[in-house]
């Protein structure tokens, strides 16, 4: 089996996809598949202020610098029930 056919078997044929859904200012998905983590990516450091219950409770997450001119933070949306709602904003440092 060649490398390209191994890749095809693993990703294209088996249907494996990423467990992460990306969110950027240019790409703002309106929904994500159940079980995926929402990764927020920005060009500058920021604090993500987020909630899974309509702001009844809120959480803060400091974004990580990946040293490539971008920062990211992963919201634990993989723990949500289907049709749950994620709300967030962020404050640039």
PDB file of N, CA and C in Angstrom:
ATOM      1  N   UNK A   1       0.857  -1.175   0.000  1.00  0.00           N
ATOM      2  CA  UNK A   1       0.000   0.000   0.000  1.00  0.00           C
ATOM      3  C   UNK A   1       0.900   1.234   0.000  1.00  0.00           C
ATOM      4  N   UNK A   2       0.655   2.148  -0.898  1.00  0.00           N
ATOM      5  CA  UNK A   2       1.449   3.370  -0.970  1.00  0.00           C
ATOM      6  C   UNK A   2       0.963   4.368   0.079  1.00  0.00           C
ATOM      7  N   UNK A   3       1.777   5.374   0.306  1.00  0.00           N
ATOM      8  CA  UNK A   3       1.403   6.404   1.276  1.00  0.00           C
ATOM      9  C   UNK A   3       0.093   7.065   0.878  1.00  0.00           C
ATOM     10  N   UNK A   4      -0.043   7.394  -0.398  1.00  0.00           N
ATOM     11  CA  UNK A   4      -1.271   8.072  -0.819  1.00  0.00           C
ATOM     12  C   UNK A   4      -2.487   7.164  -0.671  1.00  0.00           C
ATOM     13  N   UNK A   5      -2.350   5.877  -0.926  1.00  0.00           N
ATOM     14  CA  UNK A   5      -3.508   4.997  -0.755  1.00  0.00           C
ATOM     15  C   UNK A   5      -3.810   4.767   0.724  1.00  0.00           C
ATOM     16  N   UNK A   6      -2.789   4.777   1.585  1.00  0.00           N
ATOM     17  CA  UNK A   6      -3.038   4.707   3.035  1.00  0.00           C
ATOM     18  C   UNK A   6      -3.811   5.938   3.491  1.00  0.00           C
ATOM     19  N   UNK A   7      -3.386   7.088   2.997  1.00  0.00           N
ATOM     20  CA  UNK A   7      -4.085   8.327   3.337  1.00  0.00           C
ATOM     21  C   UNK A   7      -5.536   8.243   2.885  1.00  0.00           C
ATOM     22  N   UNK A   8      -5.740   7.792   1.667  1.00  0.00           N
ATOM     23  CA  UNK A   8      -7.095   7.682   1.131  1.00  0.00           C
ATOM     24  C   UNK A   8      -7.939   6.743   1.987  1.00  0.00           C
ATOM     25  N   UNK A   9      -7.403   5.594   2.351  1.00  0.00           N
ATOM     26  CA  UNK A   9      -8.141   4.637   3.179  1.00  0.00           C
ATOM     27  C   UNK A   9      -8.495   5.243   4.534  1.00  0.00           C
ATOM     28  N   UNK A  10      -7.537   5.929   5.141  1.00  0.00           N
ATOM     29  CA  UNK A  10      -7.744   6.456   6.488  1.00  0.00           C
ATOM     30  C   UNK A  10      -8.718   7.625   6.526  1.00  0.00           C
ATOM     31  N   UNK A  11      -8.562   8.571   5.615  1.00  0.00           N
ATOM     32  CA  UNK A  11      -9.334   9.803   5.723  1.00  0.00           C
ATOM     33  C   UNK A  11     -10.510   9.908   4.748  1.00  0.00           C
ATOM     34  N   UNK A  12     -10.313   9.551   3.528  1.00  0.00           N
ATOM     35  CA  UNK A  12     -11.382   9.708   2.543  1.00  0.00           C
ATOM     36  C   UNK A  12     -12.387   8.570   2.619  1.00  0.00           C
ATOM     37  N   UNK A  13     -11.890   7.366   2.652  1.00  0.00           N
ATOM     38  CA  UNK A  13     -12.794   6.221   2.612  1.00  0.00           C
ATOM     39  C   UNK A  13     -13.407   5.930   3.974  1.00  0.00           C
ATOM     40  N   UNK A  14     -12.617   5.978   5.019  1.00  0.00           N
ATOM     41  CA  UNK A  14     -13.120   5.665   6.358  1.00  0.00           C
ATOM     42  C   UNK A  14     -14.005   6.779   6.898  1.00  0.00           C
ATOM     43  N   UNK A  15     -13.940   7.953   6.284  1.00  0.00           N
ATOM     44  CA  UNK A  15     -14.795   9.047   6.715  1.00  0.00           C
ATOM     45  C   UNK A  15     -14.351   9.714   8.001  1.00  0.00           C
ATOM     46  N   UNK A  16     -13.112   9.505   8.370  1.00  0.00           N
ATOM     47  CA  UNK A  16     -12.617  10.165   9.576  1.00  0.00           C
ATOM     48  C   UNK A  16     -12.455  11.648   9.290  1.00  0.00           C
ATOM     49  N   UNK A  17     -12.886  12.433  10.212  1.00  0.00           N
ATOM     50  CA  UNK A  17     -12.723  13.869  10.064  1.00  0.00           C
ATOM     51  C   UNK A  17     -12.088  14.435  11.313  1.00  0.00           C
ATOM     52  N   UNK A  18     -11.947  15.700  11.337  1.00  0.00           N
ATOM     53  CA  UNK A  18     -11.375  16.374  12.490  1.00  0.00           C
ATOM     54  C   UNK A  18     -12.379  16.418  13.635  1.00  0.00           C
ATOM     55  N   UNK A  19     -11.875  16.375  14.843  1.00  0.00           N
ATOM     56  CA  UNK A  19     -12.709  16.523  16.035  1.00  0.00           C
ATOM     57  C   UNK A  19     -12.806  17.996  16.434  1.00  0.00           C
ATOM     58  N   UNK A  20     -12.257  18.875  15.593  1.00  0.00           N
ATOM     59  CA  UNK A  20     -12.224  20.308  15.889  1.00  0.00           C
ATOM     60  C   UNK A  20     -12.935  21.076  14.777  1.00  0.00           C
ATOM     61  N   UNK A  21     -13.782  22.018  15.179  1.00  0.00           N
ATOM     62  CA  UNK A  21     -14.411  22.953  14.239  1.00  0.00           C
ATOM     63  C   UNK A  21     -13.740  24.304  14.444  1.00  0.00           C
ATOM     64  N   UNK A  22     -13.265  24.922  13.379  1.00  0.00           N
ATOM     65  CA  UNK A  22     -12.567  26.201  13.479  1.00  0.00           C
ATOM     66  C   UNK A  22     -13.533  27.370  13.368  1.00  0.00           C
ATOM     67  N   UNK A  23     -13.269  28.410  14.173  1.00  0.00           N
ATOM     68  CA  UNK A  23     -13.998  29.671  14.090  1.00  0.00           C
ATOM     69  C   UNK A  23     -12.966  30.776  13.962  1.00  0.00           C
ATOM     70  N   UNK A  24     -13.105  31.608  12.928  1.00  0.00           N
ATOM     71  CA  UNK A  24     -12.273  32.797  12.759  1.00  0.00           C
ATOM     72  C   UNK A  24     -13.198  33.941  12.358  1.00  0.00           C
ATOM     73  N   UNK A  25     -12.659  35.146  12.302  1.00  0.00           N
ATOM     74  CA  UNK A  25     -13.477  36.270  11.848  1.00  0.00           C
ATOM     75  C   UNK A  25     -13.948  36.056  10.413  1.00  0.00           C
ATOM     76  N   UNK A  26     -13.153  35.359   9.609  1.00  0.00           N
ATOM     77  CA  UNK A  26     -13.519  35.102   8.216  1.00  0.00           C
ATOM     78  C   UNK A  26     -14.376  33.848   8.040  1.00  0.00           C
ATOM     79  N   UNK A  27     -14.397  32.977   9.032  1.00  0.00           N
ATOM     80  CA  UNK A  27     -15.157  31.718   8.951  1.00  0.00           C
ATOM     81  C   UNK A  27     -15.899  31.519  10.271  1.00  0.00           C
ATOM     82  N   UNK A  28     -17.181  31.834  10.273  1.00  0.00           N
ATOM     83  CA  UNK A  28     -17.995  31.771  11.488  1.00  0.00           C
ATOM     84  C   UNK A  28     -19.123  30.759  11.291  1.00  0.00           C
ATOM     85  N   UNK A  29     -18.849  29.479  11.545  1.00  0.00           N
ATOM     86  CA  UNK A  29     -19.887  28.469  11.331  1.00  0.00           C
ATOM     87  C   UNK A  29     -21.102  28.719  12.222  1.00  0.00           C
ATOM     88  N   UNK A  30     -22.269  28.475  11.684  1.00  0.00           N
ATOM     89  CA  UNK A  30     -23.517  28.662  12.431  1.00  0.00           C
ATOM     90  C   UNK A  30     -23.863  27.446  13.274  1.00  0.00           C
ATOM     91  N   UNK A  31     -23.276  26.309  12.963  1.00  0.00           N
ATOM     92  CA  UNK A  31     -23.491  25.099  13.753  1.00  0.00           C
ATOM     93  C   UNK A  31     -22.252  24.220  13.616  1.00  0.00           C
ATOM     94  N   UNK A  32     -22.084  23.317  14.582  1.00  0.00           N
ATOM     95  CA  UNK A  32     -21.003  22.337  14.512  1.00  0.00           C
ATOM     96  C   UNK A  32     -21.584  20.960  14.810  1.00  0.00           C
ATOM     97  N   UNK A  33     -20.932  19.960  14.311  1.00  0.00           N
ATOM     98  CA  UNK A  33     -21.393  18.589  14.524  1.00  0.00           C
ATOM     99  C   UNK A  33     -21.220  18.200  15.994  1.00  0.00           C
ATOM    100  N   UNK A  34     -22.122  17.388  16.531  1.00  0.00           N
ATOM    101  CA  UNK A  34     -21.982  16.924  17.919  1.00  0.00           C
ATOM    102  C   UNK A  34     -20.631  16.234  18.121  1.00  0.00           C
ATOM    103  N   UNK A  35     -20.044  16.477  19.286  1.00  0.00           N
ATOM    104  CA  UNK A  35     -18.774  15.848  19.621  1.00  0.00           C
ATOM    105  C   UNK A  35     -17.543  16.614  19.189  1.00  0.00           C
ATOM    106  N   UNK A  36     -17.735  17.753  18.504  1.00  0.00           N
ATOM    107  CA  UNK A  36     -16.587  18.545  18.062  1.00  0.00           C
ATOM    108  C   UNK A  36     -16.268  19.648  19.066  1.00  0.00           C
ATOM    109  N   UNK A  37     -14.996  19.963  19.167  1.00  0.00           N
ATOM    110  CA  UNK A  37     -14.514  21.075  19.969  1.00  0.00           C
ATOM    111  C   UNK A  37     -14.483  22.312  19.080  1.00  0.00           C
ATOM    112  N   UNK A  38     -14.965  23.441  19.595  1.00  0.00           N
ATOM    113  CA  UNK A  38     -14.922  24.686  18.834  1.00  0.00           C
ATOM    114  C   UNK A  38     -13.614  25.402  19.142  1.00  0.00           C
ATOM    115  N   UNK A  39     -12.778  25.590  18.128  1.00  0.00           N
ATOM    116  CA  UNK A  39     -11.498  26.285  18.280  1.00  0.00           C
ATOM    117  C   UNK A  39     -11.634  27.687  17.710  1.00  0.00           C
ATOM    118  N   UNK A  40     -11.493  28.683  18.575  1.00  0.00           N
ATOM    119  CA  UNK A  40     -11.560  30.091  18.184  1.00  0.00           C
ATOM    120  C   UNK A  40     -10.133  30.547  17.885  1.00  0.00           C
ATOM    121  N   UNK A  41      -9.930  31.124  16.712  1.00  0.00           N
ATOM    122  CA  UNK A  41      -8.600  31.570  16.287  1.00  0.00           C
ATOM    123  C   UNK A  41      -8.651  33.064  15.991  1.00  0.00           C
ATOM    124  N   UNK A  42      -7.689  33.799  16.547  1.00  0.00           N
ATOM    125  CA  UNK A  42      -7.595  35.240  16.310  1.00  0.00           C
ATOM    126  C   UNK A  42      -6.154  35.610  15.952  1.00  0.00           C
ATOM    127  N   UNK A  43      -5.965  36.839  15.499  1.00  0.00           N
ATOM    128  CA  UNK A  43      -4.631  37.325  15.148  1.00  0.00           C
ATOM    129  C   UNK A  43      -3.898  37.919  16.341  1.00  0.00           C
ATOM    130  N   UNK A  44      -4.610  38.168  17.434  1.00  0.00           N
ATOM    131  CA  UNK A  44      -4.008  38.756  18.632  1.00  0.00           C
ATOM    132  C   UNK A  44      -4.481  37.989  19.852  1.00  0.00           C
ATOM    133  N   UNK A  45      -3.718  38.119  20.928  1.00  0.00           N
ATOM    134  CA  UNK A  45      -4.113  37.476  22.170  1.00  0.00           C
ATOM    135  C   UNK A  45      -5.423  38.040  22.685  1.00  0.00           C
ATOM    136  N   UNK A  46      -6.218  37.198  23.301  1.00  0.00           N
ATOM    137  CA  UNK A  46      -7.523  37.626  23.795  1.00  0.00           C
ATOM    138  C   UNK A  46      -7.995  36.689  24.897  1.00  0.00           C
ATOM    139  N   UNK A  47      -9.000  37.147  25.615  1.00  0.00           N
ATOM    140  CA  UNK A  47      -9.719  36.313  26.570  1.00  0.00           C
ATOM    141  C   UNK A  47     -11.083  36.021  25.966  1.00  0.00           C
ATOM    142  N   UNK A  48     -11.434  34.749  25.881  1.00  0.00           N
ATOM    143  CA  UNK A  48     -12.757  34.364  25.381  1.00  0.00           C
ATOM    144  C   UNK A  48     -13.695  34.307  26.578  1.00  0.00           C
ATOM    145  N   UNK A  49     -14.793  35.018  26.500  1.00  0.00           N
ATOM    146  CA  UNK A  49     -15.843  35.013  27.531  1.00  0.00           C
ATOM    147  C   UNK A  49     -16.990  34.216  26.926  1.00  0.00           C
ATOM    148  N   UNK A  50     -17.320  33.044  27.501  1.00  0.00           N
ATOM    149  CA  UNK A  50     -18.252  32.132  26.849  1.00  0.00           C
ATOM    150  C   UNK A  50     -19.244  31.512  27.823  1.00  0.00           C
ATOM    151  N   UNK A  51     -20.343  31.003  27.231  1.00  0.00           N
ATOM    152  CA  UNK A  51     -21.391  30.347  28.015  1.00  0.00           C
ATOM    153  C   UNK A  51     -22.092  29.303  27.153  1.00  0.00           C
ATOM    154  N   UNK A  52     -22.553  28.254  27.801  1.00  0.00           N
ATOM    155  CA  UNK A  52     -23.356  27.230  27.133  1.00  0.00           C
ATOM    156  C   UNK A  52     -24.806  27.276  27.591  1.00  0.00           C
ATOM    157  N   UNK A  53     -25.129  28.205  28.503  1.00  0.00           N
ATOM    158  CA  UNK A  53     -26.499  28.248  29.048  1.00  0.00           C
ATOM    159  C   UNK A  53     -27.115  29.642  28.971  1.00  0.00           C
ATOM    160  N   UNK A  54     -26.817  30.366  27.906  1.00  0.00           N
ATOM    161  CA  UNK A  54     -27.423  31.680  27.700  1.00  0.00           C
ATOM    162  C   UNK A  54     -26.982  32.732  28.695  1.00  0.00           C
ATOM    163  N   UNK A  55     -25.747  32.665  29.155  1.00  0.00           N
ATOM    164  CA  UNK A  55     -25.135  33.612  30.083  1.00  0.00           C
ATOM    165  C   UNK A  55     -25.616  33.457  31.525  1.00  0.00           C
ATOM    166  N   UNK A  56     -26.346  32.376  31.843  1.00  0.00           N
ATOM    167  CA  UNK A  56     -26.672  32.124  33.251  1.00  0.00           C
ATOM    168  C   UNK A  56     -25.377  31.917  34.028  1.00  0.00           C
ATOM    169  N   UNK A  57     -24.472  31.153  33.459  1.00  0.00           N
ATOM    170  CA  UNK A  57     -23.111  31.050  33.982  1.00  0.00           C
ATOM    171  C   UNK A  57     -22.172  31.392  32.831  1.00  0.00           C
ATOM    172  N   UNK A  58     -21.056  31.988  33.161  1.00  0.00           N
ATOM    173  CA  UNK A  58     -20.096  32.382  32.130  1.00  0.00           C
ATOM    174  C   UNK A  58     -18.702  31.941  32.550  1.00  0.00           C
ATOM    175  N   UNK A  59     -17.861  31.751  31.569  1.00  0.00           N
ATOM    176  CA  UNK A  59     -16.490  31.299  31.795  1.00  0.00           C
ATOM    177  C   UNK A  59     -15.538  32.167  30.992  1.00  0.00           C
ATOM    178  N   UNK A  60     -14.300  32.221  31.438  1.00  0.00           N
ATOM    179  CA  UNK A  60     -13.253  32.934  30.713  1.00  0.00           C
ATOM    180  C   UNK A  60     -12.146  31.959  30.351  1.00  0.00           C
ATOM    181  N   UNK A  61     -11.599  32.138  29.172  1.00  0.00           N
ATOM    182  CA  UNK A  61     -10.519  31.285  28.691  1.00  0.00           C
ATOM    183  C   UNK A  61      -9.467  32.162  28.037  1.00  0.00           C
ATOM    184  N   UNK A  62      -8.236  32.086  28.534  1.00  0.00           N
ATOM    185  CA  UNK A  62      -7.129  32.811  27.918  1.00  0.00           C
ATOM    186  C   UNK A  62      -6.677  32.044  26.683  1.00  0.00           C
ATOM    187  N   UNK A  63      -6.523  32.751  25.584  1.00  0.00           N
ATOM    188  CA  UNK A  63      -6.092  32.114  24.345  1.00  0.00           C
ATOM    189  C   UNK A  63      -4.594  31.829  24.391  1.00  0.00           C
ATOM    190  N   UNK A  64      -4.164  30.813  23.657  1.00  0.00           N
ATOM    191  CA  UNK A  64      -2.761  30.391  23.606  1.00  0.00           C
ATOM    192  C   UNK A  64      -2.079  30.960  22.368  1.00  0.00           C
ATOM    193  N   UNK A  65      -0.845  31.417  22.547  1.00  0.00           N
ATOM    194  CA  UNK A  65      -0.040  31.925  21.436  1.00  0.00           C
ATOM    195  C   UNK A  65       0.649  30.738  20.766  1.00  0.00           C
ATOM    196  N   UNK A  66       0.404  30.545  19.481  1.00  0.00           N
ATOM    197  CA  UNK A  66       1.042  29.437  18.766  1.00  0.00           C
ATOM    198  C   UNK A  66       2.269  29.896  17.975  1.00  0.00           C
ATOM    199  N   UNK A  67       2.657  31.152  18.132  1.00  0.00           N
ATOM    200  CA  UNK A  67       3.882  31.709  17.557  1.00  0.00           C
ATOM    201  C   UNK A  67       3.899  31.773  16.034  1.00  0.00           C
ATOM    202  N   UNK A  68       2.774  31.699  15.411  1.00  0.00           N
ATOM    203  CA  UNK A  68       2.689  31.830  13.955  1.00  0.00           C
ATOM    204  C   UNK A  68       1.803  33.009  13.582  1.00  0.00           C
ATOM    205  N   UNK A  69       1.709  33.988  14.468  1.00  0.00           N
ATOM    206  CA  UNK A  69       0.862  35.139  14.202  1.00  0.00           C
ATOM    207  C   UNK A  69      -0.602  34.874  14.471  1.00  0.00           C
ATOM    208  N   UNK A  70      -0.872  33.830  15.252  1.00  0.00           N
ATOM    209  CA  UNK A  70      -2.260  33.578  15.628  1.00  0.00           C
ATOM    210  C   UNK A  70      -2.333  32.995  17.037  1.00  0.00           C
ATOM    211  N   UNK A  71      -3.486  33.132  17.609  1.00  0.00           N
ATOM    212  CA  UNK A  71      -3.788  32.657  18.953  1.00  0.00           C
ATOM    213  C   UNK A  71      -5.031  31.785  18.852  1.00  0.00           C
ATOM    214  N   UNK A  72      -5.169  30.838  19.789  1.00  0.00           N
ATOM    215  CA  UNK A  72      -6.369  30.011  19.760  1.00  0.00           C
ATOM    216  C   UNK A  72      -6.829  29.659  21.165  1.00  0.00           C
ATOM    217  N   UNK A  73      -8.100  29.325  21.252  1.00  0.00           N
ATOM    218  CA  UNK A  73      -8.700  28.814  22.480  1.00  0.00           C
ATOM    219  C   UNK A  73      -9.743  27.781  22.110  1.00  0.00           C
ATOM    220  N   UNK A  74      -9.750  26.667  22.830  1.00  0.00           N
ATOM    221  CA  UNK A  74     -10.700  25.586  22.563  1.00  0.00           C
ATOM    222  C   UNK A  74     -11.840  25.619  23.571  1.00  0.00           C
ATOM    223  N   UNK A  75     -13.058  25.797  23.080  1.00  0.00           N
ATOM    224  CA  UNK A  75     -14.242  25.724  23.936  1.00  0.00           C
ATOM    225  C   UNK A  75     -14.687  24.266  24.002  1.00  0.00           C
ATOM    226  N   UNK A  76     -15.023  23.755  25.184  1.00  0.00           N
ATOM    227  CA  UNK A  76     -15.349  22.330  25.337  1.00  0.00           C
ATOM    228  C   UNK A  76     -16.734  21.969  24.807  1.00  0.00           C
ATOM    229  N   UNK A  77     -17.008  22.348  23.590  1.00  0.00           N
ATOM    230  CA  UNK A  77     -18.321  22.100  22.992  1.00  0.00           C
ATOM    231  C   UNK A  77     -18.557  20.624  22.701  1.00  0.00           C
ATOM    232  N   UNK A  78     -17.507  19.815  22.754  1.00  0.00           N
ATOM    233  CA  UNK A  78     -17.680  18.381  22.536  1.00  0.00           C
ATOM    234  C   UNK A  78     -18.518  17.738  23.641  1.00  0.00           C
ATOM    235  N   UNK A  79     -18.702  18.443  24.757  1.00  0.00           N
ATOM    236  CA  UNK A  79     -19.477  17.930  25.891  1.00  0.00           C
ATOM    237  C   UNK A  79     -20.958  18.297  25.805  1.00  0.00           C
ATOM    238  N   UNK A  80     -21.327  19.088  24.816  1.00  0.00           N
ATOM    239  CA  UNK A  80     -22.702  19.575  24.719  1.00  0.00           C
ATOM    240  C   UNK A  80     -23.652  18.553  24.117  1.00  0.00           C
ATOM    241  N   UNK A  81     -24.909  18.689  24.486  1.00  0.00           N
ATOM    242  CA  UNK A  81     -25.966  17.892  23.874  1.00  0.00           C
ATOM    243  C   UNK A  81     -26.296  18.489  22.502  1.00  0.00           C
ATOM    244  N   UNK A  82     -26.797  17.668  21.573  1.00  0.00           N
ATOM    245  CA  UNK A  82     -27.210  18.215  20.276  1.00  0.00           C
ATOM    246  C   UNK A  82     -28.230  19.344  20.462  1.00  0.00           C
ATOM    247  N   UNK A  83     -28.154  20.350  19.630  1.00  0.00           N
ATOM    248  CA  UNK A  83     -29.020  21.536  19.632  1.00  0.00           C
ATOM    249  C   UNK A  83     -28.709  22.508  20.767  1.00  0.00           C
ATOM    250  N   UNK A  84     -27.677  22.252  21.549  1.00  0.00           N
ATOM    251  CA  UNK A  84     -27.267  23.217  22.575  1.00  0.00           C
ATOM    252  C   UNK A  84     -26.677  24.439  21.874  1.00  0.00           C
ATOM    253  N   UNK A  85     -26.688  25.557  22.575  1.00  0.00           N
ATOM    254  CA  UNK A  85     -26.242  26.819  21.982  1.00  0.00           C
ATOM    255  C   UNK A  85     -24.965  27.296  22.669  1.00  0.00           C
ATOM    256  N   UNK A  86     -24.011  27.741  21.870  1.00  0.00           N
ATOM    257  CA  UNK A  86     -22.755  28.300  22.359  1.00  0.00           C
ATOM    258  C   UNK A  86     -22.796  29.798  22.098  1.00  0.00           C
ATOM    259  N   UNK A  87     -22.529  30.594  23.121  1.00  0.00           N
ATOM    260  CA  UNK A  87     -22.403  32.038  22.924  1.00  0.00           C
ATOM    261  C   UNK A  87     -21.047  32.460  23.473  1.00  0.00           C
ATOM    262  N   UNK A  88     -20.397  33.361  22.758  1.00  0.00           N
ATOM    263  CA  UNK A  88     -19.104  33.834  23.242  1.00  0.00           C
ATOM    264  C   UNK A  88     -18.783  35.187  22.637  1.00  0.00           C
ATOM    265  N   UNK A  89     -17.888  35.861  23.304  1.00  0.00           N
ATOM    266  CA  UNK A  89     -17.282  37.081  22.805  1.00  0.00           C
ATOM    267  C   UNK A  89     -15.831  37.011  23.236  1.00  0.00           C
ATOM    268  N   UNK A  90     -15.009  37.911  22.764  1.00  0.00           N
ATOM    269  CA  UNK A  90     -13.634  37.910  23.248  1.00  0.00           C
ATOM    270  C   UNK A  90     -13.132  39.330  23.381  1.00  0.00           C
ATOM    271  N   UNK A  91     -12.201  39.478  24.303  1.00  0.00           N
ATOM    272  CA  UNK A  91     -11.596  40.768  24.610  1.00  0.00           C
ATOM    273  C   UNK A  91     -10.132  40.688  24.229  1.00  0.00           C
ATOM    274  N   UNK A  92      -9.709  41.510  23.285  1.00  0.00           N
ATOM    275  CA  UNK A  92      -8.330  41.500  22.818  1.00  0.00           C
ATOM    276  C   UNK A  92      -7.435  42.106  23.881  1.00  0.00           C
ATOM    277  N   UNK A  93      -6.299  41.458  24.106  1.00  0.00           N
ATOM    278  CA  UNK A  93      -5.350  41.914  25.136  1.00  0.00           C
ATOM    279  C   UNK A  93      -4.632  43.166  24.697  1.00  0.00           C
TER     280      UNK A  93
END
